[in-house]
Protein backbone atom coordinates (compact mmCIF):
# COMPACT_ATOMS: atom_id res chain seq x y z
CA MET A 1 61.59 76.13 152.16
CA VAL A 2 64.47 73.43 152.14
CA ALA A 3 63.32 72.13 149.00
CA TRP A 4 62.92 75.67 147.26
CA ARG A 5 66.34 76.66 148.35
CA ALA A 6 67.66 73.37 146.98
CA GLY A 7 65.97 73.97 143.79
CA ARG A 8 67.34 77.46 143.57
CA ARG A 9 70.84 76.17 144.15
CA SER A 10 70.61 73.49 141.52
CA GLY A 11 69.31 76.31 139.14
CA VAL A 12 72.27 78.47 139.76
CA ILE A 13 74.69 75.50 139.22
CA ALA A 14 72.94 74.80 136.04
CA MET A 15 73.16 78.26 134.91
CA ARG A 16 76.91 78.28 135.67
CA ALA A 17 77.56 74.94 133.91
CA PRO A 18 80.32 75.24 131.31
CA LEU A 19 78.94 75.70 127.72
CA PRO A 20 79.64 72.24 125.89
CA HIS A 21 81.21 72.74 122.47
CA PRO A 22 79.74 70.61 119.50
CA PHE A 23 82.04 67.68 119.85
CA VAL A 24 81.67 66.51 123.31
CA ARG A 25 80.34 63.38 122.24
CA PHE A 26 83.21 62.59 119.94
CA SER A 27 86.53 60.72 121.00
CA ALA A 28 89.67 62.62 120.91
CA ARG A 29 90.68 60.03 118.23
CA ALA A 30 87.66 60.86 116.16
CA ARG A 31 88.47 64.52 116.51
CA ARG A 32 91.93 64.40 115.47
CA GLY A 33 90.74 62.11 112.55
CA GLY A 34 88.40 64.79 111.39
CA LEU A 35 91.13 67.44 111.67
CA LEU A 36 93.51 65.30 109.62
CA ALA A 37 90.91 64.94 106.93
CA LEU A 38 89.48 68.46 106.88
CA ALA A 39 92.87 70.39 106.71
CA PRO A 40 94.08 69.31 103.40
CA LEU A 41 90.82 69.49 101.95
CA ALA A 42 90.40 73.19 103.21
CA PHE A 43 93.86 74.22 101.88
CA ALA A 44 93.35 72.54 98.62
CA MET A 45 90.08 74.33 98.17
CA MET A 46 91.55 77.53 99.04
CA PHE A 47 94.20 77.17 96.34
CA VAL A 48 91.31 76.21 93.78
CA LEU A 49 89.10 79.22 94.84
CA SER A 50 92.14 81.62 94.69
CA SER A 51 92.76 80.57 91.11
CA LEU A 52 89.28 81.15 90.10
CA ASP A 53 89.24 84.31 91.75
CA ALA A 54 91.90 85.61 89.59
CA ASN A 55 89.38 85.98 86.80
CA LEU A 56 87.08 88.16 88.95
CA ARG A 57 89.13 90.94 89.99
CA THR A 58 88.10 94.01 88.01
CA PRO A 59 87.53 97.65 88.90
CA ALA A 60 83.87 96.95 89.65
CA SER A 61 84.83 93.92 91.80
CA PRO A 62 88.48 94.69 93.25
CA HIS A 63 88.19 91.79 95.62
CA GLY A 64 86.72 89.31 93.34
CA ILE A 65 84.02 87.04 94.52
CA VAL A 66 84.19 88.86 98.06
CA SER A 67 83.17 92.20 96.21
CA PHE A 68 80.29 90.12 94.98
CA GLU A 69 79.35 88.77 98.38
CA PHE A 70 79.02 92.33 99.68
CA ALA A 71 77.29 93.93 96.66
CA GLY A 72 74.14 94.39 98.69
CA ASP A 73 71.87 95.32 95.86
CA ARG A 74 71.07 94.37 92.23
CA ALA A 75 72.84 97.62 90.72
CA SER A 76 75.95 96.89 92.17
CA ALA A 77 75.80 93.28 91.44
CA ASP A 78 75.00 93.94 87.74
CA ARG A 79 77.95 96.28 87.46
CA MET A 80 80.29 93.38 88.47
CA LEU A 81 78.42 90.90 86.19
CA GLU A 82 78.69 93.16 83.32
CA ALA A 83 82.57 93.54 83.91
CA TRP A 84 83.04 89.80 84.18
CA GLY A 85 81.25 89.04 81.08
CA SER A 86 80.07 85.48 80.38
CA GLN A 87 83.48 83.80 81.02
CA GLY A 88 83.59 85.62 84.42
CA ARG A 89 80.09 84.64 85.38
CA ARG A 90 81.04 81.00 84.69
CA ALA A 91 83.80 81.23 86.79
CA ALA A 92 81.97 82.95 89.58
CA ALA A 93 79.26 80.27 89.36
CA ARG A 94 81.98 77.53 89.58
CA SER A 95 83.40 79.41 92.59
CA LEU A 96 80.29 79.45 94.38
CA ARG A 97 79.71 75.93 93.87
CA LEU A 98 83.13 74.75 95.02
CA ASP A 99 82.72 77.03 97.90
CA PHE A 100 80.26 74.55 99.51
CA VAL A 101 83.09 71.88 99.57
CA PHE A 102 85.44 74.45 101.15
CA LEU A 103 82.80 75.59 103.93
CA ALA A 104 82.11 71.94 104.59
CA ALA A 105 86.05 71.55 105.49
CA TYR A 106 86.89 74.99 106.89
CA ALA A 107 83.88 75.46 109.22
CA PRO A 108 83.97 72.08 111.01
CA GLY A 109 87.86 72.19 111.13
CA LEU A 110 88.08 75.51 112.86
CA ALA A 111 85.25 74.41 115.07
CA LEU A 112 87.34 71.38 116.26
CA LEU A 113 90.27 73.64 116.88
CA CYS A 114 88.39 75.92 119.04
CA ALA A 115 86.88 72.93 120.85
CA ALA A 116 90.48 71.40 121.56
CA VAL A 117 91.77 74.76 122.92
CA ALA A 118 88.49 74.93 125.11
CA ASP A 119 88.94 71.43 126.34
CA ARG A 120 92.51 72.31 127.22
CA ALA A 121 91.57 75.33 129.11
CA ARG A 122 88.66 73.63 130.93
CA ALA A 123 91.00 70.84 132.19
CA VAL A 124 93.26 73.50 133.83
CA ARG A 125 90.03 75.68 134.99
CA SER A 126 90.76 78.52 132.61
CA GLY A 127 88.54 81.10 131.59
CA TRP A 128 89.39 80.55 128.07
CA ALA A 129 87.14 77.56 128.03
CA ALA A 130 83.87 79.31 127.59
CA PRO A 131 85.06 81.52 124.81
CA GLY A 132 86.46 78.51 122.94
CA ALA A 133 83.26 76.29 123.27
CA LEU A 134 81.14 79.35 122.05
CA LEU A 135 83.34 80.26 119.16
CA ALA A 136 83.30 76.41 118.21
CA TRP A 137 79.69 76.77 117.58
CA GLY A 138 80.29 80.07 116.00
CA GLN A 139 82.31 78.63 113.16
CA LEU A 140 79.51 76.05 112.54
CA ALA A 141 77.28 79.01 112.23
CA ALA A 142 79.58 80.72 109.93
CA GLY A 143 79.54 77.58 107.58
CA GLY A 144 75.62 77.64 107.59
CA LEU A 145 75.68 81.45 106.69
CA ASP A 146 78.18 80.87 104.04
CA ALA A 147 75.90 78.23 102.65
CA LEU A 148 72.97 80.72 102.67
CA GLU A 149 75.11 83.47 101.01
CA ASN A 150 76.10 81.09 98.35
CA LEU A 151 72.64 80.18 97.52
CA ALA A 152 71.52 83.77 97.23
CA LEU A 153 74.49 84.65 95.07
CA LEU A 154 73.77 81.80 92.72
CA ARG A 155 70.12 83.20 92.29
CA VAL A 156 71.73 86.51 91.31
CA LEU A 157 73.79 84.89 88.61
CA GLY A 158 70.78 82.97 87.37
CA GLY A 159 69.13 86.10 86.51
CA SER A 160 66.92 87.07 89.22
CA SER A 161 66.29 90.86 89.40
CA ASP A 162 65.06 90.75 93.07
CA ASP A 163 67.14 93.01 95.35
CA ALA A 164 66.54 90.79 98.19
CA TRP A 165 69.11 88.19 96.86
CA PRO A 166 72.08 90.33 96.76
CA ALA A 167 70.85 92.19 100.30
CA LEU A 168 70.44 88.58 101.85
CA ALA A 169 74.07 87.51 100.61
CA ALA A 170 75.51 90.70 102.19
CA ALA A 171 73.58 90.13 105.30
CA CYS A 172 75.13 86.84 105.71
CA ALA A 173 78.68 87.71 104.68
CA TRP A 174 79.18 90.24 107.37
CA PRO A 175 78.46 87.94 110.44
CA LYS A 176 80.20 85.16 108.50
CA PHE A 177 83.48 87.00 108.31
CA ALA A 178 83.17 88.29 111.91
CA LEU A 179 82.70 84.79 113.51
CA VAL A 180 85.57 83.37 111.21
CA ALA A 181 87.91 86.16 112.21
CA ALA A 182 87.01 85.95 115.96
CA GLY A 183 87.76 82.21 115.72
CA LEU A 184 91.18 82.87 114.22
CA VAL A 185 91.99 85.41 116.74
CA TYR A 186 91.01 83.12 119.56
CA LEU A 187 93.28 80.33 118.06
CA ALA A 188 96.24 82.69 117.36
CA THR A 189 96.03 84.27 120.74
CA SER A 190 95.89 80.90 122.53
CA ALA A 191 98.93 79.69 120.53
CA PHE A 192 101.03 82.94 121.19
CA LEU A 193 100.21 82.50 124.98
CA ARG A 194 101.21 78.85 125.07
CA LEU A 195 104.38 79.71 123.50
CA ARG A 196 105.07 82.17 126.05
CA GLY A 197 104.53 79.51 128.65
CA ARG A 198 101.04 80.04 129.55
CA GLU A 199 99.94 76.42 129.80
CA ALA A 200 96.45 77.57 130.97
CA VAL A 201 95.53 78.33 127.32
């Protein structure tokens, strides 16, 4: 009976153990170095992708490559491809390929920032620690979804007539943007609260 109770207590403790973020095995110096390397790359790629996207904004795709991501079916995608012409399709393919570099920078970069806030919150026993750790994993998941989305759209650009590819891209785009938005809201809110003197976040 004593052993059973002890096992039960240890199980409860294990269930209540804080969720570790993806970078617990990395030193603070390594994390800072990662952020210093990833931040300029992410901003540089944002500028490059934005310049390419200017060629992709048409009545059929008012939001450029983002409209293509959410096309959802081959008929909608074809309308965009027709409006882009050969030059626009080349720009779209270049944008999708370069986006692999962008996602390799923004996803771990945002994850590192969420992990940093989670560590600071955990040090003062704040309830903000668990969401930060979860969102750190979420940013890495967003990067994986982004990569899968890009591969699907490249198949569309390659001429595949299968509706599954634009549908897959849209299915990846929705949670990707939701995860990134949640991470940005978490970071912005924690920064705002710290400016207000709430050191716990």
